[in-house]
Amino acid sequence: MKRIALLTALLIALSALLPTVTPAVASPQPDPVCGACGSSFEEIAENHGVAVNVTHSTATVQIHENGSATWIVTNRVNESAASRLSQNSDLLNRIAREAAAEGWGLPHVYEEGGVTFQTASIDDRTIRIQFQDSDAGTRHAGVLVVDYLHSEGVRGGWILNADRFTLHGPPGTDVVNNPRSAIIDEYTSADVAPEVTAGNATWRGAATHEYGAAFYDDVYIAYGGPETSSLRVDAALTIATGPIWLDNVQAFVLPAVVIYGLLLAGVTVGARWAADVSLDANRVAAVIAGIGLVTVLAAVLTTLQTGPSSFAGLGAIYLVTGGIALLRPRSLRSVRGALTVAVSSVLAVGVILLGLGLGTRPFEYVAPSVLRGMVFHLPLAVAPAFGLAVVRATEHGNRRSTVRAFVGALASLALAGMVFVPFDSRPWGLILFLTVGGAILAALLGLPLAVLAARRWANTQPGSEETGHAP
């Protein structure tokens, strides 16, 4: 028993340290909001042998009902460039066409899309470029969601390389979300927040600086009628972001689920072994409860001294499961009872995380993390039910029960992974080490709980010392 306690404590310490060892990786770089504006236009012109100095630039984007958009870009340029381009319309069209379709900047920085160049003209020193984008936005839940300033989760950020960048919604529509609230990065200045009036959203920047004003958040612009409810807007933005989360689940959660399934075979062997050997279930329960109590107390002290602890929920699972197994052993004699214990332990996780969180942050910020924390600990919470189920299935030769136990355990890890991976951003591939590492820890830390349930059940079988005794 001392070896089991020592191994479990070591695994708990490892689980607390794991999230802190992620290596730092360089962030993606921001992109200009307009490939035909300012410095971006200057670069394209230079490639064609024309030295252009843009002194003022604007981009006006008219969004249409079908999700397409018409761009009108104006660039105020130096006298020599204006003189040369006004005398060579073919050269002007080549530069404008390349700037519109292949320039460094929007549209379609992070996804494929079709841009159709329409016209280019010059009047005095002002170049006017017009082009059509067939895929500026998509309609979800009756709301037109424009994703020009959404990086598909890459989050490189946006350089405002135009003095004025304006999105006009379809006639009769308003901006029904609050794009300003999405720009919350601590390194972003207040002057890059958009001006929103009815159906227009306008950003102010600077065409004369290659790296001028910038912000580093993903922003949707949602258009709908004045009567559009906030619930519908939230639903539309969630649906628009959903593919990012699904990709994260596929890339980072599913491999962890596969690894966990293989490890559960080892947990099954351990549970079956525990059911056949002479092992005092009360002693196992006491050790698990003791480790849980020490872990919870350590988490509280850590939170008070240095900030939120990452292993408080783990201690709650051990404390509640071990305590119930010790005080009410009948609770672990059926799968239904074991699942009830799982619910109790998850609720305990919520209570502890809420209590620790409220010490440093308001409730509205703590509540979402508490809910995620409860789901995140599901694999550990259901470990006793899994151990009991596979042992009972072996005893009765019921393969279907074994399959159901595996499916339930895998579903719990999948849910934990789904709340762990980001919903609206794409993490670096190194997160795979965390999801797979979490699966390994869930199996290893769940093993003592599965052994406890298996041993408690074995002690109630005919010939055992607990047979016929009520708790």
Protein backbone atom coordinates (compact mmCIF):
# COMPACT_ATOMS: atom_id res chain seq x y z
CA MET A 1 0.00 0.00 0.00
CA LYS A 2 2.90 2.37 0.65
CA ARG A 3 4.11 1.86 -2.90
CA ILE A 4 0.64 2.61 -4.29
CA ALA A 5 0.39 5.79 -2.22
CA LEU A 6 3.86 6.93 -3.28
CA LEU A 7 3.20 6.24 -6.97
CA THR A 8 -0.13 8.04 -6.86
CA ALA A 9 1.37 11.08 -5.15
CA LEU A 10 4.15 11.18 -7.77
CA LEU A 11 1.61 11.06 -10.60
CA ILE A 12 -0.40 13.88 -9.02
CA ALA A 13 2.74 16.03 -8.84
CA LEU A 14 3.49 15.25 -12.49
CA SER A 15 -0.04 16.24 -13.53
CA ALA A 16 0.37 19.57 -11.74
CA LEU A 17 3.65 20.31 -13.51
CA LEU A 18 2.66 19.19 -17.01
CA PRO A 19 0.80 22.37 -18.09
CA THR A 20 3.83 24.49 -17.18
CA VAL A 21 6.34 22.82 -19.48
CA THR A 22 4.90 23.95 -22.81
CA PRO A 23 7.73 25.53 -24.82
CA ALA A 24 7.38 29.09 -26.06
CA VAL A 25 6.90 29.45 -29.80
CA ALA A 26 6.94 32.58 -31.93
CA SER A 27 3.53 34.07 -32.70
CA PRO A 28 2.25 34.51 -36.27
CA GLN A 29 2.76 37.96 -37.75
CA PRO A 30 -0.11 40.42 -38.43
CA ASP A 31 -1.41 41.01 -41.97
CA PRO A 32 -2.57 44.27 -43.58
CA VAL A 33 -6.32 44.72 -43.88
CA CYS A 34 -6.02 45.81 -47.53
CA GLY A 35 -3.70 44.38 -50.16
CA ALA A 36 -4.39 47.25 -52.53
CA CYS A 37 -3.83 50.03 -49.97
CA GLY A 38 -0.88 51.98 -48.67
CA SER A 39 2.40 50.12 -48.31
CA SER A 40 0.97 46.97 -49.89
CA PHE A 41 0.16 48.89 -53.08
CA GLU A 42 3.63 50.45 -53.00
CA GLU A 43 5.27 47.00 -52.94
CA ILE A 44 3.25 45.76 -55.92
CA ALA A 45 4.06 48.91 -57.90
CA GLU A 46 7.74 48.58 -57.08
CA ASN A 47 7.70 45.03 -58.50
CA HIS A 48 6.54 46.61 -61.77
CA GLY A 49 9.32 49.19 -61.73
CA VAL A 50 7.23 52.14 -60.50
CA ALA A 51 8.34 54.05 -57.39
CA VAL A 52 5.08 54.93 -55.64
CA ASN A 53 4.62 56.82 -52.40
CA VAL A 54 1.08 56.54 -51.04
CA THR A 55 0.25 59.51 -48.84
CA HIS A 56 -3.39 58.68 -48.14
CA SER A 57 -5.45 55.54 -48.64
CA THR A 58 -9.04 54.39 -48.08
CA ALA A 59 -10.89 51.12 -48.55
CA THR A 60 -14.69 51.07 -48.74
CA VAL A 61 -16.27 47.61 -48.82
CA GLN A 62 -19.92 47.21 -49.72
CA ILE A 63 -21.28 43.89 -48.45
CA HIS A 64 -24.13 42.40 -50.47
CA GLU A 65 -27.02 40.19 -49.35
CA ASN A 66 -25.55 37.10 -51.02
CA GLY A 67 -22.29 37.37 -49.05
CA SER A 68 -20.24 38.92 -51.85
CA ALA A 69 -18.57 42.34 -51.58
CA THR A 70 -17.49 45.21 -53.80
CA TRP A 71 -14.23 46.89 -52.83
CA ILE A 72 -13.38 50.47 -53.78
CA VAL A 73 -9.83 51.49 -52.88
CA THR A 74 -8.33 54.94 -53.30
CA ASN A 75 -4.62 55.73 -53.04
CA ARG A 76 -3.26 59.27 -53.10
CA VAL A 77 0.21 58.97 -54.67
CA ASN A 78 3.23 61.14 -55.44
CA GLU A 79 3.28 63.36 -58.54
CA SER A 80 5.87 61.39 -60.54
CA ALA A 81 4.06 58.07 -60.08
CA ALA A 82 0.72 59.68 -60.93
CA SER A 83 2.16 61.17 -64.10
CA ARG A 84 3.64 57.89 -65.30
CA LEU A 85 0.57 55.77 -64.53
CA SER A 86 -1.84 58.27 -66.08
CA GLN A 87 0.09 57.92 -69.34
CA ASN A 88 0.14 54.10 -69.26
CA SER A 89 -3.28 52.64 -68.48
CA ASP A 90 -2.09 49.08 -69.20
CA LEU A 91 0.61 49.38 -66.52
CA LEU A 92 -1.91 50.86 -64.08
CA ASN A 93 -4.32 47.98 -64.71
CA ARG A 94 -1.59 45.36 -64.24
CA ILE A 95 -0.51 46.86 -60.91
CA ALA A 96 -4.10 47.33 -59.73
CA ARG A 97 -5.13 43.82 -60.78
CA GLU A 98 -2.21 42.22 -58.94
CA ALA A 99 -2.75 44.39 -55.87
CA ALA A 100 -6.43 43.42 -55.73
CA ALA A 101 -6.00 39.68 -56.29
CA GLU A 102 -2.50 38.89 -55.05
CA GLY A 103 -1.49 41.76 -52.79
CA TRP A 104 -0.25 41.34 -49.25
CA GLY A 105 -3.45 41.70 -47.28
CA LEU A 106 -7.17 41.06 -47.39
CA PRO A 107 -9.24 39.52 -48.73
CA HIS A 108 -8.65 35.81 -48.18
CA VAL A 109 -5.44 35.83 -46.21
CA TYR A 110 -6.22 32.56 -44.44
CA GLU A 111 -8.60 30.85 -46.86
CA GLU A 112 -9.12 30.43 -50.58
CA GLY A 113 -11.49 32.76 -52.39
CA GLY A 114 -12.13 34.37 -55.73
CA VAL A 115 -11.41 38.05 -56.38
CA THR A 116 -12.43 39.63 -59.70
CA PHE A 117 -10.66 42.81 -60.75
CA GLN A 118 -13.06 45.33 -62.33
CA THR A 119 -11.58 48.78 -62.97
CA ALA A 120 -8.66 51.07 -62.23
CA SER A 121 -8.47 54.79 -62.94
CA ILE A 122 -6.44 57.80 -61.94
CA ASP A 123 -7.70 61.33 -61.45
CA ASP A 124 -5.17 63.98 -60.58
CA ARG A 125 -3.02 62.02 -58.07
CA THR A 126 -5.71 59.65 -56.78
CA ILE A 127 -5.81 56.05 -58.02
CA ARG A 128 -9.20 54.35 -57.74
CA ILE A 129 -9.37 50.54 -57.81
CA GLN A 130 -12.57 48.50 -57.83
CA PHE A 131 -12.82 44.72 -57.51
CA GLN A 132 -15.37 42.08 -56.53
CA ASP A 133 -15.01 39.41 -53.86
CA SER A 134 -17.44 36.52 -54.18
CA ASP A 135 -17.00 35.23 -50.63
CA ALA A 136 -16.96 37.99 -48.03
CA GLY A 137 -19.41 36.40 -45.61
CA THR A 138 -21.72 33.50 -44.88
CA ARG A 139 -25.24 33.45 -43.55
CA HIS A 140 -25.86 31.54 -40.32
CA ALA A 141 -29.14 31.46 -38.39
CA GLY A 142 -30.40 34.26 -40.61
CA VAL A 143 -27.43 36.50 -39.80
CA LEU A 144 -24.80 37.48 -42.38
CA VAL A 145 -21.38 36.94 -40.78
CA VAL A 146 -18.44 38.69 -42.46
CA ASP A 147 -15.13 37.08 -41.55
CA TYR A 148 -12.67 39.45 -43.22
CA LEU A 149 -11.01 40.23 -39.89
CA HIS A 150 -11.18 36.67 -38.61
CA SER A 151 -8.01 34.65 -39.08
CA GLU A 152 -9.68 31.21 -38.88
CA GLY A 153 -8.15 30.83 -35.46
CA VAL A 154 -4.54 31.66 -36.40
CA ARG A 155 -4.68 35.00 -34.57
CA GLY A 156 -1.80 36.75 -36.28
CA GLY A 157 -3.44 40.16 -36.02
CA TRP A 158 -4.22 42.98 -38.43
CA ILE A 159 -2.28 46.04 -39.58
CA LEU A 160 -4.50 49.03 -40.39
CA ASN A 161 -2.58 50.09 -43.51
CA ALA A 162 -5.37 52.41 -44.73
CA ASP A 163 -6.33 55.76 -43.27
CA ARG A 164 -9.95 54.62 -43.36
CA PHE A 165 -11.23 51.04 -43.72
CA THR A 166 -15.04 50.80 -43.82
CA LEU A 167 -17.45 47.88 -44.13
CA HIS A 168 -20.97 48.82 -45.31
CA GLY A 169 -23.70 46.28 -44.66
CA PRO A 170 -26.47 45.36 -47.11
CA PRO A 171 -29.29 47.92 -47.33
CA GLY A 172 -31.68 47.73 -44.39
CA THR A 173 -29.25 45.92 -42.09
CA ASP A 174 -27.35 46.95 -38.98
CA VAL A 175 -24.19 45.68 -37.33
CA VAL A 176 -25.88 43.42 -34.78
CA ASN A 177 -22.84 42.28 -32.81
CA ASN A 178 -20.28 44.34 -30.93
CA PRO A 179 -16.97 44.05 -32.80
CA ARG A 180 -15.32 46.45 -30.37
CA SER A 181 -15.74 43.98 -27.51
CA ALA A 182 -13.62 41.39 -29.35
CA ILE A 183 -10.58 43.68 -29.39
CA ILE A 184 -9.31 43.08 -25.88
CA ASP A 185 -5.64 42.26 -26.32
CA GLU A 186 -3.54 43.90 -23.63
CA TYR A 187 -1.10 45.18 -26.25
CA THR A 188 -3.82 46.85 -28.34
CA SER A 189 -4.44 50.59 -28.03
CA ALA A 190 -7.96 51.99 -27.78
CA ASP A 191 -7.68 53.96 -31.03
CA VAL A 192 -7.95 50.80 -33.16
CA ALA A 193 -11.49 50.05 -31.98
CA PRO A 194 -14.02 50.44 -34.82
CA GLU A 195 -16.61 53.18 -35.12
CA VAL A 196 -19.95 51.42 -35.49
CA THR A 197 -23.00 53.29 -36.76
CA ALA A 198 -26.05 51.40 -38.02
CA GLY A 199 -24.75 49.23 -40.86
CA ASN A 200 -21.21 50.61 -40.98
CA ALA A 201 -18.03 49.62 -39.18
CA THR A 202 -15.00 51.87 -39.72
CA TRP A 203 -11.37 51.50 -38.61
CA ARG A 204 -8.86 54.36 -38.70
CA GLY A 205 -5.26 53.58 -39.55
CA ALA A 206 -2.29 55.02 -41.40
CA ALA A 207 -1.28 54.38 -45.00
CA THR A 208 2.10 56.03 -44.54
CA HIS A 209 3.47 53.50 -42.04
CA GLU A 210 4.24 49.89 -42.95
CA TYR A 211 3.64 48.80 -39.35
CA GLY A 212 1.21 51.38 -38.05
CA ALA A 213 -1.83 50.82 -35.91
CA ALA A 214 -2.62 47.14 -35.38
CA PHE A 215 -4.73 44.81 -33.27
CA TYR A 216 -4.32 41.13 -32.54
CA ASP A 217 -7.81 39.72 -32.09
CA ASP A 218 -10.24 37.94 -34.39
CA VAL A 219 -13.32 40.01 -35.21
CA TYR A 220 -16.58 39.07 -36.90
CA ILE A 221 -18.93 41.68 -38.34
CA ALA A 222 -22.52 40.39 -38.19
CA TYR A 223 -25.32 42.01 -40.18
CA GLY A 224 -29.03 41.58 -39.59
CA GLY A 225 -32.29 43.44 -39.32
CA PRO A 226 -32.91 45.81 -36.41
CA GLU A 227 -35.12 43.17 -34.78
CA THR A 228 -32.37 40.49 -34.72
CA SER A 229 -32.13 39.01 -31.23
CA SER A 230 -28.85 38.65 -29.36
CA LEU A 231 -29.51 34.90 -29.05
CA ARG A 232 -29.61 34.56 -32.83
CA VAL A 233 -26.43 36.61 -33.16
CA ASP A 234 -24.63 34.42 -30.61
CA ALA A 235 -25.83 31.31 -32.42
CA ALA A 236 -24.59 32.64 -35.78
CA LEU A 237 -21.13 33.50 -34.42
CA THR A 238 -20.88 30.13 -32.69
CA ILE A 239 -21.77 28.29 -35.89
CA ALA A 240 -19.25 30.37 -37.84
CA THR A 241 -16.51 29.47 -35.38
CA GLY A 242 -17.52 25.82 -34.99
CA PRO A 243 -15.26 24.42 -37.75
CA ILE A 244 -12.17 25.70 -35.91
CA TRP A 245 -13.15 23.79 -32.79
CA LEU A 246 -14.04 20.65 -34.77
CA ASP A 247 -10.62 20.73 -36.45
CA ASN A 248 -8.98 21.02 -33.03
CA VAL A 249 -10.98 18.07 -31.75
CA GLN A 250 -10.03 15.97 -34.76
CA ALA A 251 -6.34 16.91 -34.63
CA PHE A 252 -5.70 16.86 -30.89
CA VAL A 253 -8.50 15.04 -29.05
CA LEU A 254 -9.09 11.97 -31.20
CA PRO A 255 -5.45 10.78 -30.98
CA ALA A 256 -5.65 11.12 -27.21
CA VAL A 257 -8.87 9.08 -27.17
CA VAL A 258 -7.16 6.30 -29.13
CA ILE A 259 -4.22 6.26 -26.69
CA TYR A 260 -6.64 6.27 -23.77
CA GLY A 261 -8.50 3.29 -25.22
CA LEU A 262 -5.28 1.31 -25.32
CA LEU A 263 -4.42 2.30 -21.77
CA LEU A 264 -7.86 1.29 -20.55
CA ALA A 265 -6.93 -2.27 -21.44
CA GLY A 266 -4.21 -1.98 -18.80
CA VAL A 267 -6.66 -0.48 -16.31
CA THR A 268 -8.96 -3.42 -16.98
CA VAL A 269 -6.16 -5.87 -16.18
CA GLY A 270 -5.42 -3.97 -12.97
CA ALA A 271 -9.07 -3.98 -11.88
CA ARG A 272 -9.44 -7.69 -12.58
CA TRP A 273 -6.25 -8.37 -10.66
CA ALA A 274 -7.54 -6.39 -7.70
CA ALA A 275 -10.76 -8.42 -7.66
CA ASP A 276 -8.80 -11.68 -7.36
CA VAL A 277 -6.16 -10.80 -4.75
CA SER A 278 -6.43 -10.37 -1.02
CA LEU A 279 -6.54 -6.62 -0.61
CA ASP A 280 -8.26 -4.65 2.15
CA ALA A 281 -10.74 -2.31 0.40
CA ASN A 282 -11.00 -0.12 3.49
CA ARG A 283 -7.27 0.46 3.51
CA VAL A 284 -7.25 1.32 -0.21
CA ALA A 285 -10.14 3.76 0.34
CA ALA A 286 -8.37 5.38 3.29
CA VAL A 287 -5.15 5.87 1.32
CA ILE A 288 -7.00 7.41 -1.64
CA ALA A 289 -9.04 9.70 0.61
CA GLY A 290 -5.89 10.73 2.48
CA ILE A 291 -4.04 11.58 -0.72
CA GLY A 292 -7.08 13.55 -1.85
CA LEU A 293 -7.24 15.52 1.40
CA VAL A 294 -3.54 16.37 1.30
CA THR A 295 -3.83 17.40 -2.34
CA VAL A 296 -6.82 19.66 -1.68
CA LEU A 297 -5.07 21.33 1.26
CA ALA A 298 -1.94 21.83 -0.83
CA ALA A 299 -4.04 23.33 -3.60
CA VAL A 300 -5.65 25.78 -1.19
CA LEU A 301 -2.26 26.86 0.19
CA THR A 302 -0.84 27.20 -3.31
CA THR A 303 -3.78 29.34 -4.39
CA LEU A 304 -3.43 31.62 -1.38
CA GLN A 305 0.32 32.09 -1.91
CA THR A 306 0.95 32.05 -5.67
CA GLY A 307 -2.40 31.85 -7.48
CA PRO A 308 -4.85 29.25 -8.82
CA SER A 309 -3.76 25.63 -8.43
CA SER A 310 -3.98 23.12 -11.27
CA PHE A 311 -4.52 20.03 -9.11
CA ALA A 312 -7.37 21.04 -6.78
CA GLY A 313 -9.94 19.09 -8.82
CA LEU A 314 -7.78 15.99 -8.75
CA GLY A 315 -7.68 16.09 -4.98
CA ALA A 316 -11.44 16.55 -4.82
CA ILE A 317 -12.03 13.41 -6.91
CA TYR A 318 -9.75 11.32 -4.69
CA LEU A 319 -11.11 12.74 -1.45
CA VAL A 320 -14.79 12.26 -2.30
CA THR A 321 -14.40 8.85 -3.94
CA GLY A 322 -12.17 7.47 -1.21
CA GLY A 323 -14.33 8.98 1.52
CA ILE A 324 -17.58 7.54 0.16
CA ALA A 325 -15.95 4.14 -0.39
CA LEU A 326 -14.81 4.18 3.23
CA LEU A 327 -18.01 5.48 4.85
CA ARG A 328 -20.65 4.08 2.49
CA PRO A 329 -19.13 1.03 0.78
CA ARG A 330 -22.47 -0.04 -0.67
CA SER A 331 -22.23 2.93 -3.09
CA LEU A 332 -19.54 1.09 -5.05
CA ARG A 333 -21.30 -2.25 -5.32
CA SER A 334 -23.22 -1.36 -8.50
CA VAL A 335 -22.37 0.58 -11.63
CA ARG A 336 -25.29 2.90 -10.97
CA GLY A 337 -24.01 3.58 -7.47
CA ALA A 338 -20.49 4.19 -8.81
CA LEU A 339 -21.88 6.69 -11.32
CA THR A 340 -23.64 8.46 -8.45
CA VAL A 341 -20.29 8.69 -6.69
CA ALA A 342 -18.86 10.13 -9.93
CA VAL A 343 -21.54 12.83 -9.96
CA SER A 344 -20.79 13.66 -6.34
CA SER A 345 -17.06 13.94 -6.98
CA VAL A 346 -17.58 16.17 -10.03
CA LEU A 347 -19.83 18.45 -8.01
CA ALA A 348 -17.12 18.58 -5.35
CA VAL A 349 -14.65 19.65 -8.04
CA GLY A 350 -17.02 22.47 -8.96
CA VAL A 351 -17.39 23.62 -5.36
CA ILE A 352 -13.64 23.65 -4.70
CA LEU A 353 -12.78 25.38 -7.98
CA LEU A 354 -15.51 27.96 -7.39
CA GLY A 355 -14.32 28.66 -3.88
CA LEU A 356 -10.70 29.03 -4.93
CA GLY A 357 -11.59 31.12 -7.97
CA LEU A 358 -13.80 33.59 -6.13
CA GLY A 359 -10.83 34.51 -3.99
CA THR A 360 -9.16 36.20 -6.96
CA ARG A 361 -11.82 36.96 -9.63
CA PRO A 362 -15.50 37.95 -9.96
CA PHE A 363 -18.11 35.23 -10.38
CA GLU A 364 -18.81 35.95 -14.08
CA TYR A 365 -15.17 35.14 -14.90
CA VAL A 366 -14.93 32.16 -12.57
CA ALA A 367 -18.13 30.32 -13.57
CA PRO A 368 -17.07 29.30 -17.12
CA SER A 369 -13.72 27.96 -15.92
CA VAL A 370 -15.47 26.03 -13.13
CA LEU A 371 -17.80 24.34 -15.63
CA ARG A 372 -14.86 23.45 -17.87
CA GLY A 373 -12.98 22.13 -14.87
CA MET A 374 -15.86 19.85 -13.91
CA VAL A 375 -16.05 18.37 -17.40
CA PHE A 376 -12.26 18.13 -17.60
CA HIS A 377 -12.22 15.81 -14.56
CA LEU A 378 -14.86 13.41 -15.88
CA PRO A 379 -12.40 10.64 -16.86
CA LEU A 380 -11.14 10.41 -13.28
CA ALA A 381 -14.63 10.65 -11.81
CA VAL A 382 -15.95 7.68 -13.84
CA ALA A 383 -12.85 5.52 -13.27
CA PRO A 384 -14.49 3.62 -10.35
CA ALA A 385 -17.57 2.90 -12.48
CA PHE A 386 -15.32 1.64 -15.28
CA GLY A 387 -13.34 -0.63 -12.96
CA LEU A 388 -16.51 -2.04 -11.43
CA ALA A 389 -18.16 -2.54 -14.82
CA VAL A 390 -15.30 -4.51 -16.39
CA VAL A 391 -14.91 -6.71 -13.32
CA ARG A 392 -18.64 -7.50 -13.17
CA ALA A 393 -18.69 -8.12 -16.92
CA THR A 394 -15.81 -10.60 -16.58
CA GLU A 395 -17.53 -12.37 -13.71
CA HIS A 396 -20.73 -12.79 -15.73
CA GLY A 397 -19.09 -13.26 -19.13
CA ASN A 398 -20.94 -10.24 -20.53
CA ARG A 399 -18.89 -8.72 -23.37
CA ARG A 400 -21.53 -6.09 -24.08
CA SER A 401 -21.07 -4.63 -20.62
CA THR A 402 -17.34 -4.43 -21.23
CA VAL A 403 -17.92 -2.61 -24.52
CA ARG A 404 -20.34 -0.19 -22.83
CA ALA A 405 -17.78 0.48 -20.10
CA PHE A 406 -15.10 1.29 -22.67
CA VAL A 407 -17.45 3.49 -24.69
CA GLY A 408 -18.47 5.41 -21.58
CA ALA A 409 -14.88 5.93 -20.44
CA LEU A 410 -13.75 7.02 -23.92
CA ALA A 411 -16.69 9.43 -24.14
CA SER A 412 -15.67 11.00 -20.83
CA LEU A 413 -12.14 11.62 -22.09
CA ALA A 414 -13.47 12.97 -25.39
CA LEU A 415 -15.66 15.46 -23.50
CA ALA A 416 -12.71 16.49 -21.33
CA GLY A 417 -10.61 17.04 -24.45
CA MET A 418 -13.37 19.02 -26.13
CA VAL A 419 -13.42 21.57 -23.31
CA PHE A 420 -9.62 21.62 -23.15
CA VAL A 421 -8.86 22.52 -26.78
CA PRO A 422 -9.58 26.13 -27.82
CA PHE A 423 -12.93 26.86 -29.42
CA ASP A 424 -11.97 29.83 -31.61
CA SER A 425 -8.21 29.57 -32.12
CA ARG A 426 -5.81 27.03 -33.53
CA PRO A 427 -3.15 26.01 -31.02
CA TRP A 428 0.36 24.92 -31.93
CA GLY A 429 0.82 21.22 -32.64
CA LEU A 430 2.67 20.88 -29.35
CA ILE A 431 -0.71 20.81 -27.63
CA LEU A 432 -0.92 17.21 -28.82
CA PHE A 433 1.62 16.36 -26.13
CA LEU A 434 -0.75 17.84 -23.54
CA THR A 435 -3.85 16.00 -24.76
CA VAL A 436 -2.04 12.68 -25.10
CA GLY A 437 -0.24 13.33 -21.82
CA GLY A 438 -3.60 14.07 -20.21
CA ALA A 439 -4.94 10.74 -21.50
CA ILE A 440 -1.96 8.91 -20.01
CA LEU A 441 -2.37 10.65 -16.67
CA ALA A 442 -6.12 10.00 -16.67
CA ALA A 443 -5.44 6.28 -17.07
CA LEU A 444 -2.66 6.16 -14.48
CA LEU A 445 -4.45 8.30 -11.90
CA GLY A 446 -7.72 6.52 -12.57
CA LEU A 447 -6.17 3.10 -11.97
CA PRO A 448 -6.23 3.34 -8.14
CA LEU A 449 -9.91 4.39 -8.30
CA ALA A 450 -10.77 1.47 -10.59
CA VAL A 451 -8.87 -0.87 -8.28
CA LEU A 452 -10.80 0.51 -5.29
CA ALA A 453 -14.19 -0.13 -6.90
CA ALA A 454 -13.14 -3.61 -8.08
CA ARG A 455 -11.87 -4.52 -4.65
CA ARG A 456 -14.93 -3.13 -2.89
CA TRP A 457 -17.16 -5.21 -5.16
CA ALA A 458 -15.04 -8.35 -4.62
CA ASN A 459 -15.33 -7.97 -0.86
CA THR A 460 -19.11 -8.29 -1.16
CA GLN A 461 -19.09 -11.58 -3.08
CA PRO A 462 -19.91 -14.92 -1.41
CA GLY A 463 -17.09 -16.00 0.86
CA SER A 464 -15.73 -12.50 1.39
CA GLU A 465 -15.51 -10.92 4.83
CA GLU A 466 -18.07 -8.23 4.00
CA THR A 467 -20.79 -10.54 2.69
CA GLY A 468 -24.06 -9.97 4.40
CA HIS A 469 -22.95 -6.90 6.32
CA ALA A 470 -24.73 -3.63 5.77
CA PRO A 471 -22.67 -0.48 5.55
